[in-house]
Amino acid sequence: MTSAGYVGSSDGWHDFTANGALTWQYDIAAPVMSRSFGELPRRALWPLGFGTSRESAATLAFSALTAPFEYAWEQHVSAWRTWQGS
């Protein structure tokens, strides 16, 4: 189940907080202050890509799947530790 809503009113966090489950379903929200929300299986990959167009965001999301997850995880943890050390 997935939904896209407006931050602060119809987003998935507010739905889940109010109802204890995802009950609202919106297919689309305006790009300004919108939030996507979804229910995933216990083990799943959900690549995200942010861009100035739908195409650029999709390209970044698909590109995220080309490297093994462990590589991305190690890069993230390394950058976080470096930042914490400064």
N, C-alpha and C. Protein backbone atom coordinates (compact mmCIF):
# COMPACT_ATOMS: atom_id res chain seq x y z
N MET A 1 0.85 -1.17 0.00
CA MET A 1 0.00 0.00 0.00
C MET A 1 0.90 1.24 0.00
N THR A 2 0.57 2.21 -0.81
CA THR A 2 1.32 3.46 -0.87
C THR A 2 0.36 4.63 -0.92
N SER A 3 0.89 5.79 -0.59
CA SER A 3 0.11 7.01 -0.66
C SER A 3 1.04 8.20 -0.80
N ALA A 4 0.54 9.27 -1.33
CA ALA A 4 1.29 10.53 -1.42
C ALA A 4 0.34 11.64 -0.99
N GLY A 5 0.78 12.43 -0.03
CA GLY A 5 -0.11 13.48 0.47
C GLY A 5 0.64 14.73 0.83
N TYR A 6 -0.05 15.69 1.36
CA TYR A 6 0.54 16.96 1.74
C TYR A 6 1.08 16.89 3.16
N VAL A 7 2.32 17.32 3.34
CA VAL A 7 2.95 17.31 4.65
C VAL A 7 2.10 18.10 5.64
N GLY A 8 1.82 17.49 6.77
CA GLY A 8 1.09 18.16 7.83
C GLY A 8 -0.41 17.97 7.80
N SER A 9 -0.95 17.39 6.73
CA SER A 9 -2.40 17.21 6.71
C SER A 9 -2.80 15.84 6.17
N SER A 10 -2.39 15.49 4.98
CA SER A 10 -2.85 14.23 4.38
C SER A 10 -1.70 13.26 4.11
N ASP A 11 -0.56 13.46 4.79
CA ASP A 11 0.57 12.56 4.55
C ASP A 11 0.41 11.26 5.34
N GLY A 12 1.21 10.27 4.97
CA GLY A 12 1.10 8.95 5.57
C GLY A 12 1.40 8.92 7.06
N TRP A 13 2.30 9.79 7.52
CA TRP A 13 2.61 9.82 8.95
C TRP A 13 1.36 10.19 9.75
N HIS A 14 0.64 11.19 9.28
CA HIS A 14 -0.58 11.59 9.98
C HIS A 14 -1.65 10.49 9.92
N ASP A 15 -1.74 9.83 8.78
CA ASP A 15 -2.69 8.73 8.64
C ASP A 15 -2.34 7.61 9.63
N PHE A 16 -1.08 7.21 9.66
CA PHE A 16 -0.66 6.12 10.53
C PHE A 16 -0.83 6.49 12.00
N THR A 17 -0.50 7.73 12.34
CA THR A 17 -0.65 8.19 13.72
C THR A 17 -2.12 8.19 14.15
N ALA A 18 -2.99 8.63 13.28
CA ALA A 18 -4.41 8.72 13.61
C ALA A 18 -5.11 7.37 13.61
N ASN A 19 -4.68 6.48 12.72
CA ASN A 19 -5.43 5.24 12.50
C ASN A 19 -4.67 3.95 12.83
N GLY A 20 -3.37 4.06 13.10
CA GLY A 20 -2.59 2.86 13.40
C GLY A 20 -2.31 1.99 12.19
N ALA A 21 -2.64 2.47 11.03
CA ALA A 21 -2.42 1.74 9.77
C ALA A 21 -2.56 2.73 8.62
N LEU A 22 -2.14 2.31 7.45
CA LEU A 22 -2.34 3.14 6.27
C LEU A 22 -3.77 2.93 5.77
N THR A 23 -4.57 3.98 5.86
CA THR A 23 -5.97 3.88 5.43
C THR A 23 -6.29 4.85 4.30
N TRP A 24 -5.49 5.92 4.16
CA TRP A 24 -5.73 6.90 3.11
C TRP A 24 -4.92 6.51 1.89
N GLN A 25 -5.47 6.68 0.71
CA GLN A 25 -4.74 6.40 -0.51
C GLN A 25 -4.93 7.56 -1.49
N TYR A 26 -3.83 8.26 -1.74
CA TYR A 26 -3.80 9.33 -2.73
C TYR A 26 -2.75 8.96 -3.76
N ASP A 27 -3.07 9.08 -5.02
CA ASP A 27 -2.14 8.71 -6.08
C ASP A 27 -1.08 9.76 -6.33
N ILE A 28 -1.39 11.02 -6.04
CA ILE A 28 -0.47 12.09 -6.40
C ILE A 28 -0.68 13.27 -5.47
N ALA A 29 0.39 14.02 -5.27
CA ALA A 29 0.32 15.27 -4.51
C ALA A 29 1.20 16.27 -5.26
N ALA A 30 0.90 17.54 -5.11
CA ALA A 30 1.72 18.57 -5.76
C ALA A 30 3.15 18.44 -5.27
N PRO A 31 4.14 18.80 -6.09
CA PRO A 31 5.53 18.62 -5.70
C PRO A 31 5.98 19.48 -4.52
N VAL A 32 5.23 20.49 -4.16
CA VAL A 32 5.63 21.35 -3.05
C VAL A 32 5.13 20.76 -1.75
N MET A 33 6.04 20.49 -0.84
CA MET A 33 5.71 19.97 0.49
C MET A 33 4.84 18.72 0.44
N SER A 34 5.21 17.77 -0.40
CA SER A 34 4.48 16.51 -0.43
C SER A 34 5.35 15.41 0.17
N ARG A 35 4.72 14.34 0.59
CA ARG A 35 5.44 13.24 1.21
C ARG A 35 4.85 11.94 0.71
N SER A 36 5.73 11.00 0.36
CA SER A 36 5.29 9.66 -0.03
C SER A 36 5.40 8.75 1.17
N PHE A 37 4.55 7.77 1.22
CA PHE A 37 4.52 6.85 2.35
C PHE A 37 4.13 5.50 1.80
N GLY A 38 4.71 4.44 2.31
CA GLY A 38 4.36 3.13 1.80
C GLY A 38 4.62 2.02 2.79
N GLU A 39 3.92 0.95 2.60
CA GLU A 39 4.10 -0.25 3.40
C GLU A 39 4.92 -1.23 2.58
N LEU A 40 5.99 -1.73 3.18
CA LEU A 40 6.89 -2.65 2.48
C LEU A 40 6.94 -3.99 3.20
N PRO A 41 7.32 -5.04 2.48
CA PRO A 41 7.56 -6.30 3.16
C PRO A 41 8.73 -6.13 4.14
N ARG A 42 8.89 -7.06 5.04
CA ARG A 42 9.94 -6.97 6.05
C ARG A 42 11.32 -6.78 5.42
N ARG A 43 11.58 -7.44 4.31
CA ARG A 43 12.86 -7.29 3.60
C ARG A 43 12.56 -6.74 2.22
N ALA A 44 12.99 -5.51 1.97
CA ALA A 44 12.71 -4.88 0.69
C ALA A 44 13.73 -3.78 0.42
N LEU A 45 13.91 -3.46 -0.84
CA LEU A 45 14.71 -2.32 -1.26
C LEU A 45 13.77 -1.30 -1.87
N TRP A 46 13.95 -0.05 -1.49
CA TRP A 46 13.13 1.02 -2.04
C TRP A 46 14.08 2.13 -2.47
N PRO A 47 14.51 2.09 -3.73
CA PRO A 47 15.45 3.13 -4.18
C PRO A 47 14.75 4.48 -4.29
N LEU A 48 15.41 5.52 -3.83
CA LEU A 48 14.87 6.86 -3.91
C LEU A 48 15.75 7.71 -4.81
N GLY A 49 15.14 8.58 -5.54
CA GLY A 49 15.87 9.53 -6.35
C GLY A 49 15.14 10.86 -6.33
N PHE A 50 15.88 11.92 -6.11
CA PHE A 50 15.29 13.26 -6.08
C PHE A 50 15.91 14.07 -7.20
N GLY A 51 15.10 14.76 -7.96
CA GLY A 51 15.61 15.55 -9.07
C GLY A 51 14.65 16.66 -9.43
N THR A 52 15.05 17.44 -10.39
CA THR A 52 14.23 18.57 -10.83
C THR A 52 13.14 18.14 -11.81
N SER A 53 13.19 16.88 -12.24
CA SER A 53 12.14 16.36 -13.11
C SER A 53 11.89 14.90 -12.74
N ARG A 54 10.78 14.38 -13.19
CA ARG A 54 10.45 12.98 -12.95
C ARG A 54 11.52 12.07 -13.54
N GLU A 55 12.00 12.43 -14.73
CA GLU A 55 13.00 11.61 -15.41
C GLU A 55 14.33 11.58 -14.66
N SER A 56 14.78 12.76 -14.19
CA SER A 56 16.06 12.78 -13.48
C SER A 56 15.95 12.03 -12.14
N ALA A 57 14.83 12.15 -11.46
CA ALA A 57 14.64 11.42 -10.21
C ALA A 57 14.63 9.92 -10.47
N ALA A 58 13.96 9.48 -11.53
CA ALA A 58 13.91 8.06 -11.87
C ALA A 58 15.29 7.53 -12.23
N THR A 59 16.06 8.32 -12.97
CA THR A 59 17.42 7.91 -13.34
C THR A 59 18.26 7.70 -12.09
N LEU A 60 18.19 8.61 -11.14
CA LEU A 60 18.95 8.47 -9.90
C LEU A 60 18.49 7.26 -9.09
N ALA A 61 17.19 7.02 -9.05
CA ALA A 61 16.68 5.87 -8.30
C ALA A 61 17.15 4.56 -8.92
N PHE A 62 17.05 4.45 -10.24
CA PHE A 62 17.52 3.24 -10.91
C PHE A 62 19.03 3.07 -10.77
N SER A 63 19.77 4.17 -10.80
CA SER A 63 21.22 4.11 -10.64
C SER A 63 21.59 3.59 -9.26
N ALA A 64 20.77 3.89 -8.26
CA ALA A 64 21.05 3.42 -6.91
C ALA A 64 21.03 1.90 -6.82
N LEU A 65 20.35 1.25 -7.75
CA LEU A 65 20.26 -0.21 -7.73
C LEU A 65 21.44 -0.89 -8.42
N THR A 66 22.32 -0.13 -9.07
CA THR A 66 23.41 -0.75 -9.82
C THR A 66 24.56 -1.20 -8.93
N ALA A 67 24.71 -0.59 -7.77
CA ALA A 67 25.75 -1.01 -6.82
C ALA A 67 25.13 -1.84 -5.72
N PRO A 68 25.86 -2.79 -5.18
CA PRO A 68 25.31 -3.59 -4.08
C PRO A 68 24.96 -2.70 -2.88
N PHE A 69 23.92 -3.08 -2.16
CA PHE A 69 23.49 -2.31 -1.01
C PHE A 69 24.61 -2.14 0.01
N GLU A 70 25.40 -3.19 0.21
CA GLU A 70 26.47 -3.14 1.21
C GLU A 70 27.44 -2.00 0.90
N TYR A 71 27.74 -1.76 -0.37
CA TYR A 71 28.64 -0.67 -0.74
C TYR A 71 28.05 0.68 -0.35
N ALA A 72 26.81 0.89 -0.69
CA ALA A 72 26.15 2.16 -0.33
C ALA A 72 26.09 2.32 1.19
N TRP A 73 25.81 1.23 1.90
CA TRP A 73 25.74 1.28 3.35
C TRP A 73 27.09 1.66 3.95
N GLU A 74 28.17 1.01 3.46
CA GLU A 74 29.51 1.31 3.98
C GLU A 74 29.90 2.76 3.70
N GLN A 75 29.55 3.27 2.53
CA GLN A 75 29.84 4.67 2.21
C GLN A 75 29.09 5.61 3.16
N HIS A 76 27.85 5.31 3.42
CA HIS A 76 27.04 6.14 4.31
C HIS A 76 27.59 6.12 5.74
N VAL A 77 27.90 4.93 6.24
CA VAL A 77 28.43 4.80 7.60
C VAL A 77 29.77 5.51 7.71
N SER A 78 30.62 5.38 6.70
CA SER A 78 31.92 6.05 6.72
C SER A 78 31.77 7.57 6.75
N ALA A 79 30.88 8.09 5.91
CA ALA A 79 30.65 9.54 5.88
C ALA A 79 30.08 10.01 7.20
N TRP A 80 29.19 9.23 7.80
CA TRP A 80 28.59 9.60 9.09
C TRP A 80 29.66 9.62 10.19
N ARG A 81 30.52 8.62 10.21
CA ARG A 81 31.59 8.58 11.23
C ARG A 81 32.56 9.73 11.06
N THR A 82 32.87 10.08 9.81
CA THR A 82 33.75 11.21 9.56
C THR A 82 33.12 12.49 10.07
N TRP A 83 31.84 12.66 9.79
CA TRP A 83 31.14 13.85 10.25
C TRP A 83 31.09 13.89 11.77
N GLN A 84 30.82 12.75 12.41
CA GLN A 84 30.76 12.70 13.87
C GLN A 84 32.11 13.02 14.50
N GLY A 85 33.19 12.68 13.81
CA GLY A 85 34.52 12.92 14.34
C GLY A 85 34.98 14.37 14.23
N SER A 86 34.26 15.16 13.44
CA SER A 86 34.68 16.56 13.27
C SER A 86 34.03 17.49 14.26
